[in-house]
Amino acid sequence: MPLTVLVVDDALVDRQHLEGILTGAGHRVLIAESGEQGVARARKDRPDLILMDVNMPDLDGFAATRRLKADPDTRDIPVVFVTGKNQKADLAWGRMLGARGYIGKPYAAGDILAALAA
């Protein structure tokens, strides 16, 4: 079943790569270039899942996820972090924030598609 997936990443190359993987698998993709945009877009469009980078200017992925999980309108949207910030402490923090998954960069297309099915 096709999903609507919000990709939140400040790097154009990463956004394009994720979009290619997702659209190639038949999913609808929404894009946000920052944590602030991601929070606003999630509130407006209510995606089925959010793929969230951590290192972003203005509002990092951890802070954006904290806002989403605190909002009754967005708290149930699953968040999967897709990031180069993948130390054990980062993974633990992501779980504490309520993330459904954590994918380190670099990743394979199968990693992304498996996160959608989880």
Protein backbone atom coordinates (compact mmCIF):
# COMPACT_ATOMS: atom_id res chain seq x y z
CA MET A 1 0.00 0.00 0.00
CA PRO A 2 1.50 3.36 -0.99
CA LEU A 3 2.37 5.69 1.88
CA THR A 4 2.79 9.44 2.10
CA VAL A 5 6.29 10.00 3.46
CA LEU A 6 7.69 13.33 4.62
CA VAL A 7 11.45 13.61 4.06
CA VAL A 8 13.06 16.23 6.32
CA ASP A 9 16.70 16.90 5.41
CA ASP A 10 18.69 20.06 4.74
CA ALA A 11 20.94 18.36 2.15
CA LEU A 12 19.58 18.43 -1.40
CA VAL A 13 21.46 15.27 -2.41
CA ASP A 14 19.99 13.30 0.50
CA ARG A 15 16.46 14.59 -0.19
CA GLN A 16 16.77 13.62 -3.85
CA HIS A 17 18.18 10.18 -3.03
CA LEU A 18 15.41 9.39 -0.54
CA GLU A 19 12.77 10.75 -2.89
CA GLY A 20 14.06 8.48 -5.67
CA ILE A 21 13.96 5.40 -3.45
CA LEU A 22 10.47 6.18 -2.19
CA THR A 23 8.85 7.19 -5.47
CA GLY A 24 10.48 4.20 -7.16
CA ALA A 25 8.63 2.01 -4.66
CA GLY A 26 5.33 3.78 -5.42
CA HIS A 27 5.12 6.08 -2.41
CA ARG A 28 4.12 9.76 -2.35
CA VAL A 29 6.88 12.04 -1.08
CA LEU A 30 6.64 15.38 0.68
CA ILE A 31 9.80 17.43 1.22
CA ALA A 32 10.97 19.77 3.97
CA GLU A 33 14.41 21.40 4.05
CA SER A 34 14.62 22.09 7.79
CA GLY A 35 13.24 20.97 11.12
CA GLU A 36 10.93 23.99 11.25
CA GLN A 37 9.56 23.22 7.78
CA GLY A 38 9.21 19.57 8.73
CA VAL A 39 7.09 20.33 11.78
CA ALA A 40 4.88 22.73 9.79
CA ARG A 41 4.51 20.28 6.91
CA ALA A 42 3.66 17.39 9.23
CA ARG A 43 0.96 19.48 10.92
CA LYS A 44 -0.49 20.55 7.56
CA ASP A 45 -0.27 17.32 5.54
CA ARG A 46 -0.31 14.56 8.20
CA PRO A 47 2.02 12.09 6.43
CA ASP A 48 1.98 8.37 7.19
CA LEU A 49 5.67 8.45 8.16
CA ILE A 50 8.51 10.96 8.57
CA LEU A 51 12.14 10.32 7.60
CA MET A 52 14.07 12.86 9.69
CA ASP A 53 17.70 13.97 9.51
CA VAL A 54 19.27 15.04 12.80
CA ASN A 55 21.91 17.63 11.89
CA MET A 56 20.05 20.61 10.45
CA PRO A 57 20.27 24.36 11.01
CA ASP A 58 17.54 26.24 12.91
CA LEU A 59 15.83 23.21 14.48
CA ASP A 60 17.62 19.86 14.54
CA GLY A 61 15.80 16.58 14.01
CA PHE A 62 15.75 15.70 17.70
CA ALA A 63 14.10 19.03 18.61
CA ALA A 64 11.67 18.76 15.68
CA THR A 65 10.67 15.26 16.77
CA ARG A 66 10.19 16.47 20.34
CA ARG A 67 7.75 19.11 19.02
CA LEU A 68 5.90 16.58 16.87
CA LYS A 69 5.54 14.11 19.74
CA ALA A 70 4.27 16.87 22.07
CA ASP A 71 1.50 17.88 19.63
CA PRO A 72 -1.71 15.81 19.82
CA ASP A 73 -2.22 16.28 16.07
CA THR A 74 1.16 14.81 15.09
CA ARG A 75 2.28 12.61 18.00
CA ASP A 76 1.13 9.39 16.33
CA ILE A 77 3.05 9.95 13.08
CA PRO A 78 5.99 7.53 13.14
CA VAL A 79 9.44 9.13 12.85
CA VAL A 80 12.49 7.30 11.54
CA PHE A 81 15.80 9.11 11.85
CA VAL A 82 18.02 8.91 8.76
CA THR A 83 21.30 10.50 9.76
CA GLY A 84 25.07 10.42 9.86
CA LYS A 85 24.80 11.03 13.60
CA ASN A 86 24.71 7.38 14.59
CA GLN A 87 26.59 6.84 17.83
CA LYS A 88 25.01 4.64 20.52
CA ALA A 89 23.99 7.70 22.54
CA ASP A 90 22.24 9.15 19.47
CA LEU A 91 20.28 5.94 18.92
CA ALA A 92 19.28 5.87 22.59
CA TRP A 93 18.18 9.52 22.46
CA GLY A 94 16.15 8.84 19.31
CA ARG A 95 14.34 5.99 21.04
CA MET A 96 13.69 8.15 24.11
CA LEU A 97 12.07 10.73 21.84
CA GLY A 98 9.73 8.06 20.49
CA ALA A 99 11.33 7.39 17.11
CA ARG A 100 10.23 4.18 15.41
CA GLY A 101 13.65 3.61 13.87
CA TYR A 102 17.14 4.91 13.29
CA ILE A 103 19.04 4.47 10.03
CA GLY A 104 22.65 5.54 9.76
CA LYS A 105 24.11 7.15 6.66
CA PRO A 106 25.25 5.78 4.33
CA TYR A 107 22.25 3.51 3.86
CA ALA A 108 20.94 1.15 1.22
CA ALA A 109 17.55 1.47 -0.45
CA GLY A 110 16.51 -1.72 1.33
CA ASP A 111 17.16 -0.09 4.71
CA ILE A 112 14.74 2.71 3.86
CA LEU A 113 12.03 0.43 2.46
CA ALA A 114 12.33 -1.93 5.45
CA ALA A 115 11.73 1.02 7.79
CA LEU A 116 8.45 1.74 5.98
CA ALA A 117 7.26 -1.81 6.47
CA ALA A 118 8.19 -2.02 10.17
